[in-house]
N, C-alpha and C. Protein backbone atom coordinates (compact mmCIF):
# COMPACT_ATOMS: atom_id res chain seq x y z
N UNK A 1 -6.50 157.96 54.15
CA UNK A 1 -6.52 156.59 54.65
C UNK A 1 -7.96 156.13 54.71
N UNK A 2 -8.23 155.02 54.06
CA UNK A 2 -9.60 154.52 54.06
C UNK A 2 -9.79 153.46 55.15
N UNK A 3 -11.00 152.98 55.27
CA UNK A 3 -11.32 152.06 56.36
C UNK A 3 -10.69 150.69 56.17
N UNK A 4 -10.43 150.28 54.92
CA UNK A 4 -9.80 148.99 54.68
C UNK A 4 -8.37 148.98 55.24
N UNK A 5 -7.65 150.07 55.03
CA UNK A 5 -6.29 150.17 55.55
C UNK A 5 -6.28 150.10 57.07
N UNK A 6 -7.23 150.75 57.70
CA UNK A 6 -7.31 150.74 59.16
C UNK A 6 -7.61 149.34 59.68
N UNK A 7 -8.57 148.68 59.08
CA UNK A 7 -8.96 147.35 59.55
C UNK A 7 -7.84 146.34 59.32
N UNK A 8 -7.18 146.40 58.15
CA UNK A 8 -6.07 145.47 57.88
C UNK A 8 -4.92 145.72 58.84
N UNK A 9 -4.63 146.99 59.13
CA UNK A 9 -3.55 147.30 60.06
C UNK A 9 -3.90 146.85 61.48
N UNK A 10 -5.15 147.00 61.88
CA UNK A 10 -5.56 146.53 63.21
C UNK A 10 -5.49 145.01 63.31
N UNK A 11 -5.89 144.32 62.28
CA UNK A 11 -5.82 142.86 62.30
C UNK A 11 -4.37 142.39 62.35
N UNK A 12 -3.49 143.03 61.59
CA UNK A 12 -2.08 142.66 61.63
C UNK A 12 -1.47 142.99 62.99
N UNK A 13 -1.87 144.10 63.57
CA UNK A 13 -1.38 144.46 64.91
C UNK A 13 -1.84 143.48 65.97
N UNK A 14 -3.07 143.02 65.86
CA UNK A 14 -3.57 142.01 66.81
C UNK A 14 -2.80 140.70 66.66
N UNK A 15 -2.49 140.32 65.44
CA UNK A 15 -1.70 139.10 65.23
C UNK A 15 -0.29 139.25 65.78
N UNK A 16 0.30 140.41 65.61
CA UNK A 16 1.65 140.65 66.15
C UNK A 16 1.61 140.60 67.68
N UNK A 17 0.61 141.23 68.27
CA UNK A 17 0.48 141.20 69.73
C UNK A 17 0.30 139.79 70.26
N UNK A 18 -0.53 139.02 69.61
CA UNK A 18 -0.75 137.63 70.02
C UNK A 18 0.51 136.80 69.83
N UNK A 19 1.22 137.04 68.74
CA UNK A 19 2.46 136.32 68.50
C UNK A 19 3.52 136.64 69.55
N UNK A 20 3.62 137.88 69.95
CA UNK A 20 4.59 138.27 70.99
C UNK A 20 4.23 137.64 72.32
N UNK A 21 2.94 137.63 72.65
CA UNK A 21 2.52 137.02 73.91
C UNK A 21 2.88 135.54 73.95
N UNK A 22 2.62 134.83 72.87
CA UNK A 22 2.94 133.41 72.86
C UNK A 22 4.44 133.14 72.76
N UNK A 23 5.20 134.07 72.18
CA UNK A 23 6.66 133.94 72.23
C UNK A 23 7.17 134.08 73.65
N UNK A 24 6.58 135.00 74.41
CA UNK A 24 6.97 135.16 75.81
C UNK A 24 6.59 133.93 76.64
N UNK A 25 5.43 133.35 76.35
CA UNK A 25 5.03 132.13 77.05
C UNK A 25 6.00 131.00 76.73
N UNK A 26 6.39 130.89 75.46
CA UNK A 26 7.33 129.85 75.07
C UNK A 26 8.70 130.08 75.69
N UNK A 27 9.07 131.33 75.86
CA UNK A 27 10.37 131.64 76.48
C UNK A 27 10.40 131.22 77.94
N UNK A 28 9.27 131.35 78.62
CA UNK A 28 9.20 130.92 80.02
C UNK A 28 9.25 129.40 80.15
N UNK A 29 8.55 128.70 79.26
CA UNK A 29 8.50 127.24 79.29
C UNK A 29 8.91 126.73 77.90
N UNK A 30 10.21 126.55 77.65
CA UNK A 30 10.66 126.16 76.31
C UNK A 30 10.18 124.78 75.86
N UNK A 31 9.72 123.97 76.77
CA UNK A 31 9.24 122.63 76.39
C UNK A 31 7.90 122.68 75.67
N UNK A 32 7.20 123.80 75.73
CA UNK A 32 5.91 123.93 75.06
C UNK A 32 6.14 124.37 73.61
N UNK A 33 6.35 123.39 72.77
CA UNK A 33 6.60 123.70 71.37
C UNK A 33 5.35 124.21 70.66
N UNK A 34 4.19 123.89 71.20
CA UNK A 34 2.95 124.36 70.60
C UNK A 34 2.83 125.88 70.72
N UNK A 35 3.31 126.45 71.81
CA UNK A 35 3.26 127.90 71.96
C UNK A 35 4.14 128.58 70.93
N UNK A 36 5.31 128.01 70.68
CA UNK A 36 6.20 128.58 69.67
C UNK A 36 5.58 128.48 68.29
N UNK A 37 4.99 127.34 67.97
CA UNK A 37 4.37 127.16 66.66
C UNK A 37 3.20 128.12 66.47
N UNK A 38 2.42 128.35 67.53
CA UNK A 38 1.31 129.29 67.44
C UNK A 38 1.80 130.70 67.27
N UNK A 39 2.90 131.06 67.95
CA UNK A 39 3.47 132.40 67.80
C UNK A 39 3.96 132.62 66.38
N UNK A 40 4.62 131.63 65.81
CA UNK A 40 5.09 131.75 64.43
C UNK A 40 3.90 131.87 63.47
N UNK A 41 2.85 131.12 63.73
CA UNK A 41 1.65 131.20 62.88
C UNK A 41 1.01 132.58 62.97
N UNK A 42 0.96 133.15 64.16
CA UNK A 42 0.37 134.49 64.32
C UNK A 42 1.21 135.54 63.62
N UNK A 43 2.52 135.45 63.73
CA UNK A 43 3.39 136.43 63.07
C UNK A 43 3.36 136.26 61.55
N UNK A 44 3.23 135.04 61.07
CA UNK A 44 3.10 134.82 59.63
C UNK A 44 1.78 135.37 59.11
N UNK A 45 0.73 135.25 59.91
CA UNK A 45 -0.56 135.82 59.53
C UNK A 45 -0.48 137.34 59.44
N UNK A 46 0.25 137.96 60.34
CA UNK A 46 0.45 139.41 60.27
C UNK A 46 1.21 139.79 59.01
N UNK A 47 2.21 139.01 58.66
CA UNK A 47 2.96 139.29 57.43
C UNK A 47 2.07 139.14 56.20
N UNK A 48 1.20 138.14 56.21
CA UNK A 48 0.26 137.97 55.09
C UNK A 48 -0.68 139.16 55.01
N UNK A 49 -1.13 139.66 56.15
CA UNK A 49 -2.03 140.82 56.15
C UNK A 49 -1.34 142.05 55.56
N UNK A 50 -0.07 142.25 55.87
CA UNK A 50 0.65 143.39 55.30
C UNK A 50 0.87 143.21 53.80
N UNK A 51 1.11 141.97 53.37
CA UNK A 51 1.23 141.72 51.93
C UNK A 51 -0.10 141.98 51.23
N UNK A 52 -1.20 141.57 51.83
CA UNK A 52 -2.51 141.83 51.23
C UNK A 52 -2.79 143.32 51.15
N UNK A 53 -2.39 144.05 52.17
CA UNK A 53 -2.60 145.50 52.16
C UNK A 53 -1.79 146.15 51.04
N UNK A 54 -0.58 145.67 50.84
CA UNK A 54 0.19 146.24 49.74
C UNK A 54 -0.34 145.77 48.38
N UNK A 55 -0.97 144.61 48.32
CA UNK A 55 -1.61 144.18 47.07
C UNK A 55 -2.78 145.08 46.71
N UNK A 56 -3.49 145.54 47.72
CA UNK A 56 -4.63 146.42 47.48
C UNK A 56 -4.19 147.74 46.87
N UNK A 57 -3.02 148.21 47.29
CA UNK A 57 -2.57 149.54 46.85
C UNK A 57 -1.65 149.51 45.64
N UNK A 58 -1.41 148.34 45.04
CA UNK A 58 -0.55 148.26 43.85
C UNK A 58 -1.22 148.96 42.67
N UNK A 59 -0.39 149.68 41.90
CA UNK A 59 -0.93 150.40 40.76
C UNK A 59 -0.49 149.80 39.42
N UNK A 60 0.63 149.09 39.41
CA UNK A 60 1.10 148.48 38.16
C UNK A 60 1.17 146.97 38.34
N UNK A 61 0.96 146.22 37.28
CA UNK A 61 0.95 144.75 37.42
C UNK A 61 2.29 144.17 37.87
N UNK A 62 3.39 144.82 37.54
CA UNK A 62 4.71 144.29 37.93
C UNK A 62 4.88 144.30 39.44
N UNK A 63 4.45 145.38 40.08
CA UNK A 63 4.55 145.43 41.55
C UNK A 63 3.57 144.45 42.20
N UNK A 64 2.41 144.27 41.58
CA UNK A 64 1.45 143.28 42.09
C UNK A 64 2.05 141.88 42.03
N UNK A 65 2.74 141.58 40.92
CA UNK A 65 3.35 140.27 40.77
C UNK A 65 4.44 140.04 41.81
N UNK A 66 5.28 141.03 42.03
CA UNK A 66 6.36 140.89 43.01
C UNK A 66 5.81 140.75 44.43
N UNK A 67 4.79 141.51 44.75
CA UNK A 67 4.19 141.42 46.08
C UNK A 67 3.51 140.09 46.30
N UNK A 68 2.82 139.61 45.27
CA UNK A 68 2.15 138.32 45.38
C UNK A 68 3.17 137.19 45.50
N UNK A 69 4.26 137.31 44.78
CA UNK A 69 5.32 136.30 44.88
C UNK A 69 5.93 136.31 46.28
N UNK A 70 6.08 137.49 46.87
CA UNK A 70 6.63 137.58 48.23
C UNK A 70 5.68 137.08 49.29
N UNK A 71 4.39 137.07 48.99
CA UNK A 71 3.40 136.61 49.97
C UNK A 71 3.40 135.10 50.12
N UNK A 72 4.02 134.39 49.22
CA UNK A 72 4.05 132.93 49.31
C UNK A 72 4.93 132.44 50.45
N UNK A 73 5.94 133.22 50.81
CA UNK A 73 6.84 132.80 51.89
C UNK A 73 6.12 132.77 53.23
N UNK A 74 5.44 133.86 53.66
CA UNK A 74 4.72 133.75 54.94
C UNK A 74 3.57 132.76 54.91
N UNK A 75 3.00 132.54 53.72
CA UNK A 75 1.93 131.55 53.63
C UNK A 75 2.47 130.14 53.87
N UNK A 76 3.64 129.84 53.31
CA UNK A 76 4.26 128.54 53.55
C UNK A 76 4.63 128.38 55.02
N UNK A 77 5.16 129.45 55.62
CA UNK A 77 5.51 129.40 57.05
C UNK A 77 4.26 129.18 57.89
N UNK A 78 3.16 129.82 57.52
CA UNK A 78 1.90 129.65 58.25
C UNK A 78 1.41 128.21 58.17
N UNK A 79 1.42 127.62 57.00
CA UNK A 79 0.93 126.25 56.86
C UNK A 79 1.79 125.25 57.62
N UNK A 80 3.09 125.42 57.56
CA UNK A 80 3.99 124.51 58.28
C UNK A 80 3.84 124.67 59.78
N UNK A 81 3.76 125.92 60.24
CA UNK A 81 3.64 126.12 61.70
C UNK A 81 2.29 125.65 62.23
N UNK A 82 1.24 125.77 61.45
CA UNK A 82 -0.06 125.26 61.90
C UNK A 82 -0.06 123.73 61.97
N UNK A 83 0.57 123.09 61.01
CA UNK A 83 0.67 121.63 61.07
C UNK A 83 1.51 121.20 62.28
N UNK A 84 2.58 121.92 62.54
CA UNK A 84 3.43 121.62 63.70
C UNK A 84 2.68 121.87 65.01
N UNK A 85 1.87 122.94 65.04
CA UNK A 85 1.06 123.23 66.22
C UNK A 85 0.06 122.11 66.49
N UNK A 86 -0.63 121.65 65.47
CA UNK A 86 -1.62 120.58 65.65
C UNK A 86 -0.93 119.31 66.12
N UNK A 87 0.23 119.02 65.56
CA UNK A 87 0.94 117.81 65.97
C UNK A 87 1.37 117.88 67.43
N UNK A 88 1.85 119.03 67.89
CA UNK A 88 2.32 119.13 69.28
C UNK A 88 1.19 119.35 70.27
N UNK A 89 0.21 120.15 69.91
CA UNK A 89 -0.86 120.47 70.86
C UNK A 89 -1.76 119.28 71.12
N UNK A 90 -2.11 118.55 70.07
CA UNK A 90 -3.00 117.42 70.23
C UNK A 90 -2.26 116.12 70.49
N UNK A 91 -0.94 116.14 70.39
CA UNK A 91 -0.15 114.98 70.74
C UNK A 91 -0.27 113.82 69.77
N UNK A 92 -0.41 114.12 68.51
CA UNK A 92 -0.48 113.03 67.54
C UNK A 92 0.92 112.45 67.36
N UNK A 93 1.03 111.15 67.46
CA UNK A 93 2.33 110.51 67.39
C UNK A 93 2.59 109.91 66.00
N UNK A 94 1.62 109.97 65.14
CA UNK A 94 1.81 109.42 63.80
C UNK A 94 2.38 110.51 62.90
N UNK A 95 3.60 110.34 62.42
CA UNK A 95 4.20 111.39 61.61
C UNK A 95 3.54 111.57 60.24
N UNK A 96 2.86 110.56 59.75
CA UNK A 96 2.21 110.71 58.44
C UNK A 96 1.07 111.72 58.50
N UNK A 97 0.47 111.91 59.67
CA UNK A 97 -0.56 112.93 59.79
C UNK A 97 0.02 114.33 59.63
N UNK A 98 1.24 114.51 60.12
CA UNK A 98 1.90 115.80 59.97
C UNK A 98 2.21 116.08 58.50
N UNK A 99 2.67 115.10 57.78
CA UNK A 99 3.08 115.31 56.39
C UNK A 99 1.89 115.43 55.44
N UNK A 100 0.74 114.93 55.83
CA UNK A 100 -0.44 115.06 54.99
C UNK A 100 -0.95 116.47 55.07
């Protein structure tokens, strides 16, 4: 196990821990949609970190292609949840800002 694997795993673990904490906060106060969006963003970031770690260890181009294709799903979830977080946390009422 090299140092890159350790650092990527620690970063993903920190994102999972942060996501769980904010899920618990959202469970206590369900009206705080920003906490839920932040938790989803943190968990999506952890999923992206695990996909990147598997991209580093790919040996054949076919597995690299499949892993890269699978990484697009958590990336889309991350972008949508961050836009939703900004909309709820900062209280922007203009929906066109969310869609941009």
